[in-house]
Amino acid sequence: MTKILVTFLMLLTAAVSAQPTIKDGLEAFVVANNVYPQYSLQNCIQGTVIISFKLDKQGQVYYSKVSSGIGTDLDDEALRLIRLSSGKWAVPANHDTSIFLIAPMKFTLSGYNCADKDPQGIKKAIAVYRSSEALANSIQNFYKNKEKGDFKPAEEARFIALKKELGYDDEYLSGRIQDGLKKLKQKDKQGACEDFLFVKYMGSDLADEVLEKYCK
């Protein structure tokens, strides 16, 4: 049986007498709610993402950023998890809302034949992801414009070939839909609809039904 593990450690930039707490601890929250993102999962990409965030007096996350990332969709997932924890914190009365909380999240895959994966291949996959983000955006922009009727039909073949080159096939897009459905169960509608819209604007109709049902 395969597992997806996320370990968590929280530090403060300044010492305080009492720290904000979340029910059962943030590590348990992260383990219960993480959705290992498709690209990193398929390419056995693992590592630590450091998120810095601030809480207001009501325990809402009002500021968050990736302080140190891997450069793949793991960065987005780590940030999503912190934002998902918003409102679930118990904050001491004397909490300084200007203090940064630091959350190093270590994403580790067990199974998926990752032990046999060539480290150089993993490094290459990370580099490809970083360089392909702009290309993915160009594909999405094309299909957004197509939806508006403002596009050149002759260009579509080029974007179809680019999707194939980048690995955005039906298997990948179906995985993104399943990730979105998991996020819906966590009441993360924003994260879910972002996944569904990604599929739509990759020129696929696979997400049309869930977009109609959940994202209107």
N, C-alpha and C. Protein backbone atom coordinates (compact mmCIF):
# COMPACT_ATOMS: atom_id res chain seq x y z
N MET A 1 0.84 -1.19 0.00
CA MET A 1 0.00 0.00 0.00
C MET A 1 0.88 1.25 0.00
N THR A 2 0.53 2.20 -0.81
CA THR A 2 1.32 3.43 -0.89
C THR A 2 0.81 4.47 0.09
N LYS A 3 1.70 5.34 0.49
CA LYS A 3 1.36 6.41 1.41
C LYS A 3 1.91 7.72 0.89
N ILE A 4 1.25 8.80 1.27
CA ILE A 4 1.78 10.13 1.04
C ILE A 4 1.91 10.79 2.40
N LEU A 5 3.13 11.17 2.74
CA LEU A 5 3.41 11.73 4.05
C LEU A 5 3.80 13.19 3.93
N VAL A 6 3.34 13.99 4.86
CA VAL A 6 3.77 15.37 4.97
C VAL A 6 4.13 15.62 6.42
N THR A 7 5.38 15.96 6.69
CA THR A 7 5.76 16.27 8.05
C THR A 7 5.79 17.78 8.23
N PHE A 8 5.57 18.22 9.45
CA PHE A 8 5.43 19.65 9.69
C PHE A 8 6.15 20.05 10.97
N LEU A 9 6.78 21.20 10.92
CA LEU A 9 7.41 21.78 12.11
C LEU A 9 7.16 23.27 12.08
N MET A 10 6.69 23.86 13.18
CA MET A 10 6.43 25.29 13.20
C MET A 10 7.40 25.98 14.13
N LEU A 11 7.98 27.07 13.66
CA LEU A 11 8.89 27.89 14.44
C LEU A 11 8.37 29.32 14.42
N LEU A 12 8.81 30.12 15.37
CA LEU A 12 8.45 31.53 15.41
C LEU A 12 9.68 32.38 15.19
N THR A 13 9.50 33.52 14.54
CA THR A 13 10.62 34.41 14.33
C THR A 13 10.99 35.13 15.62
N ALA A 14 10.11 35.12 16.58
CA ALA A 14 10.40 35.74 17.88
C ALA A 14 9.79 34.87 18.97
N ALA A 15 10.46 34.83 20.12
CA ALA A 15 9.96 34.00 21.22
C ALA A 15 8.72 34.65 21.83
N VAL A 16 7.72 33.84 22.10
CA VAL A 16 6.50 34.32 22.75
C VAL A 16 6.14 33.36 23.86
N SER A 17 5.35 33.83 24.82
CA SER A 17 5.01 32.99 25.96
C SER A 17 4.02 31.90 25.58
N ALA A 18 3.16 32.20 24.62
CA ALA A 18 2.18 31.21 24.19
C ALA A 18 2.05 31.30 22.68
N GLN A 19 1.90 30.16 22.05
CA GLN A 19 1.81 30.13 20.60
C GLN A 19 0.38 29.83 20.16
N PRO A 20 -0.01 30.28 18.98
CA PRO A 20 -1.30 29.87 18.42
C PRO A 20 -1.35 28.36 18.27
N THR A 21 -2.51 27.80 18.43
CA THR A 21 -2.67 26.35 18.31
C THR A 21 -3.84 26.04 17.38
N ILE A 22 -3.78 24.88 16.81
CA ILE A 22 -4.86 24.39 15.97
C ILE A 22 -5.23 23.00 16.48
N LYS A 23 -6.49 22.65 16.44
CA LYS A 23 -6.95 21.38 16.99
C LYS A 23 -6.15 20.21 16.43
N ASP A 24 -5.63 19.39 17.34
CA ASP A 24 -4.82 18.20 17.03
C ASP A 24 -3.46 18.54 16.43
N GLY A 25 -3.14 19.84 16.29
CA GLY A 25 -1.84 20.25 15.76
C GLY A 25 -1.86 20.41 14.26
N LEU A 26 -1.02 21.30 13.76
CA LEU A 26 -1.01 21.57 12.32
C LEU A 26 -0.49 20.38 11.52
N GLU A 27 0.41 19.61 12.12
CA GLU A 27 0.90 18.42 11.39
C GLU A 27 -0.25 17.50 11.06
N ALA A 28 -1.13 17.25 12.04
CA ALA A 28 -2.27 16.37 11.80
C ALA A 28 -3.21 16.98 10.75
N PHE A 29 -3.39 18.29 10.82
CA PHE A 29 -4.24 18.98 9.84
C PHE A 29 -3.68 18.81 8.43
N VAL A 30 -2.37 18.99 8.29
CA VAL A 30 -1.72 18.88 6.98
C VAL A 30 -1.81 17.45 6.46
N VAL A 31 -1.54 16.48 7.30
CA VAL A 31 -1.59 15.08 6.88
C VAL A 31 -3.00 14.70 6.43
N ALA A 32 -4.02 15.25 7.15
CA ALA A 32 -5.40 14.91 6.83
C ALA A 32 -5.89 15.57 5.55
N ASN A 33 -5.32 16.72 5.20
CA ASN A 33 -5.89 17.51 4.12
C ASN A 33 -5.02 17.65 2.88
N ASN A 34 -3.78 17.17 2.92
CA ASN A 34 -2.93 17.38 1.74
C ASN A 34 -3.40 16.54 0.56
N VAL A 35 -3.29 17.16 -0.61
CA VAL A 35 -3.58 16.48 -1.87
C VAL A 35 -2.31 16.58 -2.70
N TYR A 36 -1.56 15.49 -2.74
CA TYR A 36 -0.25 15.52 -3.40
C TYR A 36 -0.47 15.87 -4.87
N PRO A 37 0.08 16.98 -5.34
CA PRO A 37 -0.25 17.46 -6.69
C PRO A 37 0.30 16.56 -7.79
N GLN A 38 -0.44 16.56 -8.91
CA GLN A 38 -0.24 15.56 -9.95
C GLN A 38 1.16 15.56 -10.57
N TYR A 39 1.67 16.71 -10.92
CA TYR A 39 2.97 16.73 -11.60
C TYR A 39 4.06 16.16 -10.70
N SER A 40 4.10 16.63 -9.46
CA SER A 40 5.13 16.14 -8.54
C SER A 40 4.92 14.67 -8.21
N LEU A 41 3.67 14.25 -8.12
CA LEU A 41 3.37 12.85 -7.86
C LEU A 41 3.87 11.97 -9.01
N GLN A 42 3.56 12.35 -10.23
CA GLN A 42 3.93 11.54 -11.39
C GLN A 42 5.44 11.50 -11.61
N ASN A 43 6.15 12.54 -11.14
CA ASN A 43 7.58 12.62 -11.36
C ASN A 43 8.41 12.37 -10.10
N CYS A 44 7.74 11.87 -9.04
CA CYS A 44 8.43 11.53 -7.78
C CYS A 44 9.21 12.71 -7.20
N ILE A 45 8.64 13.90 -7.30
CA ILE A 45 9.30 15.09 -6.76
C ILE A 45 8.92 15.24 -5.30
N GLN A 46 9.92 15.34 -4.43
CA GLN A 46 9.73 15.45 -2.99
C GLN A 46 10.61 16.59 -2.47
N GLY A 47 10.38 16.96 -1.23
CA GLY A 47 11.23 18.00 -0.65
C GLY A 47 10.47 18.87 0.32
N THR A 48 11.13 19.93 0.77
CA THR A 48 10.57 20.80 1.80
C THR A 48 10.22 22.16 1.23
N VAL A 49 9.01 22.59 1.54
CA VAL A 49 8.53 23.92 1.18
C VAL A 49 8.33 24.70 2.48
N ILE A 50 8.88 25.90 2.54
CA ILE A 50 8.75 26.72 3.75
C ILE A 50 7.74 27.83 3.49
N ILE A 51 6.69 27.85 4.31
CA ILE A 51 5.64 28.86 4.21
C ILE A 51 5.74 29.80 5.40
N SER A 52 5.70 31.09 5.13
CA SER A 52 5.62 32.10 6.19
C SER A 52 4.19 32.65 6.19
N PHE A 53 3.62 32.80 7.39
CA PHE A 53 2.25 33.31 7.44
C PHE A 53 2.00 34.07 8.74
N LYS A 54 0.95 34.87 8.72
CA LYS A 54 0.56 35.65 9.89
C LYS A 54 -0.91 35.39 10.21
N LEU A 55 -1.21 35.44 11.51
CA LEU A 55 -2.58 35.23 11.98
C LEU A 55 -3.09 36.50 12.64
N ASP A 56 -4.38 36.79 12.41
CA ASP A 56 -4.98 37.90 13.15
C ASP A 56 -5.55 37.38 14.47
N LYS A 57 -6.19 38.24 15.22
CA LYS A 57 -6.69 37.87 16.55
C LYS A 57 -7.79 36.81 16.48
N GLN A 58 -8.44 36.70 15.34
CA GLN A 58 -9.51 35.71 15.17
C GLN A 58 -9.00 34.37 14.63
N GLY A 59 -7.69 34.26 14.46
CA GLY A 59 -7.12 33.02 13.95
C GLY A 59 -7.22 32.86 12.45
N GLN A 60 -7.48 33.97 11.76
CA GLN A 60 -7.51 33.94 10.31
C GLN A 60 -6.11 34.16 9.75
N VAL A 61 -5.77 33.40 8.71
CA VAL A 61 -4.51 33.63 8.01
C VAL A 61 -4.72 34.84 7.10
N TYR A 62 -4.09 35.96 7.44
CA TYR A 62 -4.31 37.16 6.64
C TYR A 62 -3.13 37.48 5.72
N TYR A 63 -2.06 36.74 5.87
CA TYR A 63 -0.91 36.91 4.97
C TYR A 63 -0.16 35.59 4.91
N SER A 64 0.22 35.19 3.71
CA SER A 64 0.99 33.95 3.57
C SER A 64 1.78 34.00 2.28
N LYS A 65 2.94 33.37 2.29
CA LYS A 65 3.78 33.34 1.10
C LYS A 65 4.71 32.13 1.16
N VAL A 66 5.22 31.75 0.01
CA VAL A 66 6.25 30.71 -0.07
C VAL A 66 7.59 31.39 0.16
N SER A 67 8.23 31.08 1.29
CA SER A 67 9.54 31.68 1.58
C SER A 67 10.66 30.93 0.89
N SER A 68 10.51 29.62 0.79
CA SER A 68 11.51 28.80 0.10
C SER A 68 10.78 27.59 -0.48
N GLY A 69 10.84 27.46 -1.79
CA GLY A 69 10.08 26.39 -2.42
C GLY A 69 10.93 25.45 -3.25
N ILE A 70 10.25 24.49 -3.85
CA ILE A 70 10.90 23.50 -4.71
C ILE A 70 10.84 23.96 -6.17
N GLY A 71 9.82 24.74 -6.47
CA GLY A 71 9.67 25.23 -7.82
C GLY A 71 8.70 24.43 -8.66
N THR A 72 7.84 23.62 -7.97
CA THR A 72 6.82 22.86 -8.66
C THR A 72 5.47 23.10 -7.99
N ASP A 73 4.49 22.28 -8.36
CA ASP A 73 3.15 22.42 -7.78
C ASP A 73 3.11 22.06 -6.29
N LEU A 74 4.20 21.52 -5.74
CA LEU A 74 4.26 21.31 -4.29
C LEU A 74 4.22 22.65 -3.55
N ASP A 75 4.82 23.69 -4.13
CA ASP A 75 4.78 25.01 -3.50
C ASP A 75 3.33 25.49 -3.37
N ASP A 76 2.55 25.30 -4.43
CA ASP A 76 1.15 25.73 -4.41
C ASP A 76 0.35 24.95 -3.37
N GLU A 77 0.63 23.66 -3.25
CA GLU A 77 -0.11 22.84 -2.30
C GLU A 77 0.22 23.23 -0.86
N ALA A 78 1.49 23.49 -0.58
CA ALA A 78 1.86 23.91 0.77
C ALA A 78 1.18 25.22 1.14
N LEU A 79 1.15 26.16 0.21
CA LEU A 79 0.49 27.44 0.46
C LEU A 79 -1.01 27.25 0.63
N ARG A 80 -1.61 26.39 -0.17
CA ARG A 80 -3.05 26.12 -0.05
C ARG A 80 -3.40 25.55 1.31
N LEU A 81 -2.56 24.65 1.82
CA LEU A 81 -2.83 24.04 3.12
C LEU A 81 -2.82 25.07 4.24
N ILE A 82 -1.88 26.00 4.19
CA ILE A 82 -1.85 27.04 5.23
C ILE A 82 -3.09 27.91 5.13
N ARG A 83 -3.47 28.28 3.91
CA ARG A 83 -4.67 29.10 3.75
C ARG A 83 -5.93 28.34 4.15
N LEU A 84 -5.92 27.04 3.94
CA LEU A 84 -7.06 26.21 4.34
C LEU A 84 -7.20 26.16 5.85
N SER A 85 -6.11 26.37 6.58
CA SER A 85 -6.17 26.34 8.04
C SER A 85 -6.74 27.64 8.63
N SER A 86 -6.97 28.64 7.79
CA SER A 86 -7.47 29.93 8.26
C SER A 86 -8.78 29.78 9.02
N GLY A 87 -8.85 30.43 10.18
CA GLY A 87 -10.05 30.38 11.00
C GLY A 87 -10.10 29.20 11.94
N LYS A 88 -9.13 28.30 11.84
CA LYS A 88 -9.12 27.11 12.68
C LYS A 88 -8.13 27.23 13.84
N TRP A 89 -7.51 28.41 13.96
CA TRP A 89 -6.51 28.63 14.99
C TRP A 89 -7.11 29.26 16.24
N ALA A 90 -6.60 28.82 17.39
CA ALA A 90 -6.88 29.50 18.67
C ALA A 90 -5.68 30.38 18.97
N VAL A 91 -5.91 31.67 19.05
CA VAL A 91 -4.83 32.64 19.18
C VAL A 91 -4.81 33.22 20.60
N PRO A 92 -3.68 33.17 21.30
CA PRO A 92 -3.58 33.76 22.65
C PRO A 92 -3.91 35.25 22.61
N ALA A 93 -4.44 35.75 23.73
CA ALA A 93 -4.85 37.16 23.80
C ALA A 93 -3.68 38.10 23.55
N ASN A 94 -2.48 37.68 23.95
CA ASN A 94 -1.31 38.55 23.79
C ASN A 94 -0.55 38.30 22.49
N HIS A 95 -1.15 37.58 21.55
CA HIS A 95 -0.46 37.25 20.30
C HIS A 95 -0.19 38.52 19.50
N ASP A 96 1.05 38.64 19.05
CA ASP A 96 1.46 39.75 18.21
C ASP A 96 1.16 39.38 16.76
N THR A 97 0.17 40.03 16.17
CA THR A 97 -0.26 39.64 14.81
C THR A 97 0.77 39.98 13.74
N SER A 98 1.80 40.72 14.11
CA SER A 98 2.84 41.05 13.12
C SER A 98 3.91 39.97 13.03
N ILE A 99 3.87 39.01 13.95
CA ILE A 99 4.88 37.95 13.97
C ILE A 99 4.63 36.92 12.87
N PHE A 100 5.70 36.55 12.18
CA PHE A 100 5.61 35.49 11.19
C PHE A 100 5.65 34.13 11.87
N LEU A 101 4.77 33.25 11.44
CA LEU A 101 4.85 31.83 11.76
C LEU A 101 5.50 31.15 10.57
N ILE A 102 6.41 30.25 10.85
CA ILE A 102 7.17 29.58 9.80
C ILE A 102 6.81 28.10 9.78
N ALA A 103 6.38 27.63 8.64
CA ALA A 103 5.96 26.23 8.51
C ALA A 103 6.77 25.52 7.43
N PRO A 104 7.84 24.81 7.82
CA PRO A 104 8.54 23.96 6.85
C PRO A 104 7.77 22.65 6.64
N MET A 105 7.29 22.41 5.45
CA MET A 105 6.52 21.21 5.15
C MET A 105 7.36 20.28 4.27
N LYS A 106 7.61 19.11 4.77
CA LYS A 106 8.40 18.13 4.03
C LYS A 106 7.47 17.13 3.36
N PHE A 107 7.43 17.17 2.06
CA PHE A 107 6.59 16.26 1.28
C PHE A 107 7.41 15.03 0.91
N THR A 108 6.90 13.86 1.31
CA THR A 108 7.61 12.61 1.08
C THR A 108 6.66 11.58 0.49
N LEU A 109 7.10 10.91 -0.55
CA LEU A 109 6.31 9.85 -1.18
C LEU A 109 6.83 8.49 -0.76
N SER A 110 5.93 7.61 -0.38
CA SER A 110 6.27 6.23 -0.08
C SER A 110 5.53 5.36 -1.10
N GLY A 111 6.27 4.61 -1.88
CA GLY A 111 5.65 3.83 -2.94
C GLY A 111 5.82 4.55 -4.27
N TYR A 112 4.95 4.28 -5.21
CA TYR A 112 4.98 4.88 -6.55
C TYR A 112 6.30 4.60 -7.27
N ASN A 113 7.05 3.60 -6.80
CA ASN A 113 8.33 3.21 -7.41
C ASN A 113 9.34 4.36 -7.44
N CYS A 114 9.19 5.27 -6.49
CA CYS A 114 10.08 6.43 -6.48
C CYS A 114 11.51 6.08 -6.08
N ALA A 115 11.67 4.99 -5.35
CA ALA A 115 13.02 4.59 -4.94
C ALA A 115 13.88 4.25 -6.15
N ASP A 116 13.24 3.85 -7.24
CA ASP A 116 13.98 3.48 -8.44
C ASP A 116 14.12 4.63 -9.43
N LYS A 117 13.59 5.78 -9.05
CA LYS A 117 13.60 6.93 -9.96
C LYS A 117 15.00 7.54 -10.02
N ASP A 118 15.46 7.84 -11.22
CA ASP A 118 16.77 8.45 -11.43
C ASP A 118 16.77 9.87 -10.87
N PRO A 119 17.66 10.19 -9.91
CA PRO A 119 17.71 11.55 -9.34
C PRO A 119 17.89 12.63 -10.41
N GLN A 120 18.66 12.32 -11.42
CA GLN A 120 18.85 13.31 -12.50
C GLN A 120 17.55 13.53 -13.27
N GLY A 121 16.77 12.48 -13.38
CA GLY A 121 15.47 12.60 -14.04
C GLY A 121 14.52 13.48 -13.24
N ILE A 122 14.60 13.36 -11.91
CA ILE A 122 13.76 14.19 -11.04
C ILE A 122 14.17 15.66 -11.16
N LYS A 123 15.48 15.90 -11.15
CA LYS A 123 15.98 17.27 -11.31
C LYS A 123 15.53 17.86 -12.64
N LYS A 124 15.57 17.04 -13.67
CA LYS A 124 15.14 17.50 -14.99
C LYS A 124 13.65 17.83 -14.99
N ALA A 125 12.85 16.99 -14.29
CA ALA A 125 11.41 17.23 -14.22
C ALA A 125 11.11 18.55 -13.52
N ILE A 126 11.87 18.87 -12.47
CA ILE A 126 11.69 20.14 -11.76
C ILE A 126 12.02 21.30 -12.70
N ALA A 127 13.12 21.17 -13.43
CA ALA A 127 13.52 22.22 -14.36
C ALA A 127 12.48 22.40 -15.46
N VAL A 128 11.93 21.28 -15.94
CA VAL A 128 10.91 21.34 -16.98
C VAL A 128 9.68 22.06 -16.47
N TYR A 129 9.29 21.77 -15.22
CA TYR A 129 8.10 22.41 -14.65
C TYR A 129 8.30 23.92 -14.60
N ARG A 130 9.45 24.33 -14.11
CA ARG A 130 9.72 25.76 -13.97
C ARG A 130 9.68 26.47 -15.32
N SER A 131 10.24 25.81 -16.32
CA SER A 131 10.29 26.44 -17.65
C SER A 131 8.98 26.33 -18.40
N SER A 132 8.13 25.37 -17.99
CA SER A 132 6.90 25.14 -18.75
C SER A 132 5.71 25.96 -18.25
N GLU A 133 5.86 26.63 -17.11
CA GLU A 133 4.73 27.40 -16.59
C GLU A 133 4.26 28.46 -17.58
N ALA A 134 5.21 29.17 -18.20
CA ALA A 134 4.84 30.20 -19.17
C ALA A 134 4.15 29.57 -20.38
N LEU A 135 4.60 28.38 -20.78
CA LEU A 135 3.98 27.70 -21.91
C LEU A 135 2.56 27.25 -21.56
N ALA A 136 2.38 26.76 -20.33
CA ALA A 136 1.05 26.35 -19.88
C ALA A 136 0.11 27.56 -19.87
N ASN A 137 0.62 28.70 -19.45
CA ASN A 137 -0.19 29.92 -19.45
C ASN A 137 -0.58 30.32 -20.87
N SER A 138 0.32 30.11 -21.81
CA SER A 138 0.00 30.47 -23.20
C SER A 138 -1.11 29.56 -23.75
N ILE A 139 -1.08 28.28 -23.35
CA ILE A 139 -2.15 27.37 -23.77
C ILE A 139 -3.48 27.83 -23.19
N GLN A 140 -3.47 28.16 -21.90
CA GLN A 140 -4.71 28.58 -21.25
C GLN A 140 -5.26 29.86 -21.86
N ASN A 141 -4.36 30.78 -22.17
CA ASN A 141 -4.81 32.03 -22.78
C ASN A 141 -5.45 31.79 -24.14
N PHE A 142 -4.88 30.84 -24.89
CA PHE A 142 -5.46 30.52 -26.20
C PHE A 142 -6.90 30.04 -26.03
N TYR A 143 -7.12 29.11 -25.08
CA TYR A 143 -8.47 28.54 -24.93
C TYR A 143 -9.44 29.51 -24.26
N LYS A 144 -8.92 30.41 -23.45
CA LYS A 144 -9.79 31.47 -22.92
C LYS A 144 -10.26 32.38 -24.05
N ASN A 145 -9.34 32.71 -24.95
CA ASN A 145 -9.70 33.54 -26.10
C ASN A 145 -10.63 32.80 -27.06
N LYS A 146 -10.40 31.49 -27.18
CA LYS A 146 -11.28 30.69 -28.03
C LYS A 146 -12.71 30.72 -27.51
N GLU A 147 -12.85 30.66 -26.19
CA GLU A 147 -14.18 30.71 -25.58
C GLU A 147 -14.89 32.02 -25.92
N LYS A 148 -14.10 33.09 -26.03
CA LYS A 148 -14.66 34.41 -26.36
C LYS A 148 -14.85 34.59 -27.86
N GLY A 149 -14.35 33.65 -28.65
CA GLY A 149 -14.44 33.77 -30.09
C GLY A 149 -13.32 34.59 -30.71
N ASP A 150 -12.34 34.92 -29.89
CA ASP A 150 -11.22 35.75 -30.35
C ASP A 150 -9.97 34.89 -30.48
N PHE A 151 -9.90 34.11 -31.55
CA PHE A 151 -8.76 33.21 -31.73
C PHE A 151 -8.59 32.89 -33.21
N LYS A 152 -7.43 32.36 -33.55
CA LYS A 152 -7.15 31.94 -34.91
C LYS A 152 -7.17 30.41 -34.96
N PRO A 153 -8.17 29.83 -35.60
CA PRO A 153 -8.30 28.36 -35.63
C PRO A 153 -7.04 27.64 -36.09
N ALA A 154 -6.30 28.26 -36.99
CA ALA A 154 -5.11 27.60 -37.52
C ALA A 154 -4.03 27.39 -36.46
N GLU A 155 -4.11 28.16 -35.35
CA GLU A 155 -3.10 28.07 -34.31
C GLU A 155 -3.34 26.90 -33.34
N GLU A 156 -4.56 26.35 -33.37
CA GLU A 156 -4.91 25.37 -32.36
C GLU A 156 -4.04 24.12 -32.45
N ALA A 157 -3.68 23.71 -33.64
CA ALA A 157 -2.84 22.52 -33.80
C ALA A 157 -1.52 22.68 -33.06
N ARG A 158 -0.99 23.89 -33.06
CA ARG A 158 0.28 24.14 -32.35
C ARG A 158 0.10 23.98 -30.85
N PHE A 159 -1.02 24.43 -30.31
CA PHE A 159 -1.24 24.31 -28.88
C PHE A 159 -1.57 22.88 -28.47
N ILE A 160 -2.22 22.14 -29.35
CA ILE A 160 -2.46 20.72 -29.08
C ILE A 160 -1.14 19.97 -29.00
N ALA A 161 -0.23 20.28 -29.93
CA ALA A 161 1.09 19.65 -29.91
C ALA A 161 1.87 20.05 -28.67
N LEU A 162 1.72 21.30 -28.24
CA LEU A 162 2.41 21.77 -27.04
C LEU A 162 1.89 21.08 -25.80
N LYS A 163 0.57 20.88 -25.73
CA LYS A 163 -0.01 20.14 -24.60
C LYS A 163 0.57 18.74 -24.51
N LYS A 164 0.67 18.08 -25.65
CA LYS A 164 1.22 16.73 -25.67
C LYS A 164 2.67 16.73 -25.21
N GLU A 165 3.42 17.72 -25.66
CA GLU A 165 4.83 17.82 -25.29
C GLU A 165 5.00 18.03 -23.79
N LEU A 166 4.09 18.82 -23.20
CA LEU A 166 4.18 19.12 -21.77
C LEU A 166 3.55 18.04 -20.89
N GLY A 167 2.88 17.07 -21.49
CA GLY A 167 2.30 15.97 -20.72
C GLY A 167 0.91 16.23 -20.19
N TYR A 168 0.21 17.20 -20.74
CA TYR A 168 -1.14 17.51 -20.28
C TYR A 168 -2.14 16.66 -21.07
N ASP A 169 -2.05 15.34 -20.87
CA ASP A 169 -2.95 14.41 -21.55
C ASP A 169 -4.18 14.15 -20.69
N ASP A 170 -5.08 13.30 -21.16
CA ASP A 170 -6.32 13.04 -20.43
C ASP A 170 -6.05 12.42 -19.07
N GLU A 171 -5.01 11.59 -18.97
CA GLU A 171 -4.69 10.98 -17.67
C GLU A 171 -4.32 12.05 -16.65
N TYR A 172 -3.48 12.98 -17.07
CA TYR A 172 -3.09 14.07 -16.17
C TYR A 172 -4.30 14.93 -15.80
N LEU A 173 -5.09 15.30 -16.79
CA LEU A 173 -6.23 16.18 -16.53
C LEU A 173 -7.28 15.49 -15.67
N SER A 174 -7.47 14.19 -15.86
CA SER A 174 -8.39 13.44 -15.00
C SER A 174 -7.89 13.43 -13.56
N GLY A 175 -6.56 13.34 -13.40
CA GLY A 175 -5.99 13.42 -12.07
C GLY A 175 -6.25 14.76 -11.41
N ARG A 176 -6.19 15.85 -12.19
CA ARG A 176 -6.48 17.17 -11.65
C ARG A 176 -7.94 17.27 -11.19
N ILE A 177 -8.83 16.64 -11.93
CA ILE A 177 -10.24 16.63 -11.53
C ILE A 177 -10.42 15.88 -10.22
N GLN A 178 -9.76 14.74 -10.08
CA GLN A 178 -9.85 13.98 -8.84
C GLN A 178 -9.29 14.78 -7.67
N ASP A 179 -8.21 15.51 -7.91
CA ASP A 179 -7.65 16.38 -6.86
C ASP A 179 -8.68 17.42 -6.46
N GLY A 180 -9.35 18.01 -7.45
CA GLY A 180 -10.36 19.01 -7.15
C GLY A 180 -11.51 18.45 -6.34
N LEU A 181 -11.92 17.23 -6.63
CA LEU A 181 -13.00 16.60 -5.88
C LEU A 181 -12.59 16.35 -4.43
N LYS A 182 -11.32 16.00 -4.22
CA LYS A 182 -10.81 15.83 -2.86
C LYS A 182 -10.87 17.16 -2.11
N LYS A 183 -10.51 18.25 -2.80
CA LYS A 183 -10.53 19.57 -2.16
C LYS A 183 -11.95 20.00 -1.82
N LEU A 184 -12.92 19.62 -2.65
CA LEU A 184 -14.31 19.92 -2.33
C LEU A 184 -14.73 19.27 -1.03
N LYS A 185 -14.28 18.04 -0.81
CA LYS A 185 -14.60 17.35 0.45
C LYS A 185 -14.00 18.08 1.65
N GLN A 186 -12.93 18.82 1.41
CA GLN A 186 -12.29 19.62 2.47
C GLN A 186 -12.93 21.01 2.58
N LYS A 187 -13.97 21.25 1.78
CA LYS A 187 -14.66 22.55 1.69
C LYS A 187 -13.74 23.64 1.14
N ASP A 188 -12.79 23.23 0.33
CA ASP A 188 -11.90 24.16 -0.35
C ASP A 188 -12.42 24.35 -1.77
N LYS A 189 -13.51 25.09 -1.88
CA LYS A 189 -14.15 25.28 -3.19
C LYS A 189 -13.24 26.05 -4.14
N GLN A 190 -12.54 27.04 -3.63
CA GLN A 190 -11.65 27.83 -4.49
C GLN A 190 -10.58 26.95 -5.12
N GLY A 191 -9.92 26.14 -4.29
CA GLY A 191 -8.88 25.26 -4.81
C GLY A 191 -9.42 24.26 -5.81
N ALA A 192 -10.62 23.73 -5.52
CA ALA A 192 -11.24 22.76 -6.42
C ALA A 192 -11.56 23.39 -7.77
N CYS A 193 -12.17 24.57 -7.74
CA CYS A 193 -12.56 25.21 -9.00
C CYS A 193 -11.35 25.65 -9.80
N GLU A 194 -10.26 25.98 -9.12
CA GLU A 194 -9.03 26.30 -9.84
C GLU A 194 -8.54 25.07 -10.62
N ASP A 195 -8.63 23.90 -10.00
CA ASP A 195 -8.24 22.67 -10.70
C ASP A 195 -9.16 22.42 -11.90
N PHE A 196 -10.46 22.58 -11.70
CA PHE A 196 -11.41 22.31 -12.78
C PHE A 196 -11.23 23.30 -13.94
N LEU A 197 -10.97 24.56 -13.60
CA LEU A 197 -10.76 25.57 -14.63
C LEU A 197 -9.46 25.33 -15.39
N PHE A 198 -8.46 24.82 -14.69
CA PHE A 198 -7.20 24.46 -15.36
C PHE A 198 -7.49 23.44 -16.46
N VAL A 199 -8.29 22.44 -16.12
CA VAL A 199 -8.62 21.40 -17.10
C VAL A 199 -9.38 22.01 -18.29
N LYS A 200 -10.36 22.85 -17.97
CA LYS A 200 -11.16 23.48 -19.03
C LYS A 200 -10.28 24.27 -19.99
N TYR A 201 -9.38 25.08 -19.42
CA TYR A 201 -8.58 25.96 -20.27
C TYR A 201 -7.30 25.28 -20.77
N MET A 202 -7.26 23.97 -20.60
CA MET A 202 -6.31 23.17 -21.37
C MET A 202 -7.00 22.59 -22.60
N GLY A 203 -8.18 23.13 -22.88
CA GLY A 203 -8.90 22.71 -24.09
C GLY A 203 -9.63 21.41 -23.95
N SER A 204 -9.96 21.02 -22.70
CA SER A 204 -10.63 19.75 -22.45
C SER A 204 -12.04 19.98 -21.93
N ASP A 205 -12.94 19.06 -22.26
CA ASP A 205 -14.30 19.14 -21.72
C ASP A 205 -14.51 18.18 -20.55
N LEU A 206 -13.42 17.57 -20.06
CA LEU A 206 -13.54 16.58 -18.99
C LEU A 206 -14.10 17.17 -17.70
N ALA A 207 -13.87 18.47 -17.48
CA ALA A 207 -14.31 19.09 -16.23
C ALA A 207 -15.62 19.85 -16.37
N ASP A 208 -16.24 19.80 -17.53
CA ASP A 208 -17.44 20.61 -17.75
C ASP A 208 -18.55 20.30 -16.74
N GLU A 209 -18.75 19.01 -16.47
CA GLU A 209 -19.83 18.61 -15.57
C GLU A 209 -19.59 19.12 -14.15
N VAL A 210 -18.36 18.99 -13.64
CA VAL A 210 -18.11 19.42 -12.26
C VAL A 210 -18.07 20.95 -12.18
N LEU A 211 -17.65 21.62 -13.23
CA LEU A 211 -17.70 23.08 -13.24
C LEU A 211 -19.13 23.56 -13.16
N GLU A 212 -20.00 22.94 -13.92
CA GLU A 212 -21.43 23.31 -13.90
C GLU A 212 -22.05 23.05 -12.54
N LYS A 213 -21.63 21.96 -11.92
CA LYS A 213 -22.24 21.55 -10.64
C LYS A 213 -21.72 22.34 -9.46
N TYR A 214 -20.42 22.65 -9.44
CA TYR A 214 -19.82 23.19 -8.22
C TYR A 214 -19.29 24.63 -8.33
N CYS A 215 -19.10 25.15 -9.53
CA CYS A 215 -18.34 26.39 -9.67
C CYS A 215 -19.10 27.53 -10.33
N LYS A 216 -20.40 27.49 -10.33
CA LYS A 216 -21.18 28.56 -10.93
C LYS A 216 -21.26 29.75 -9.98
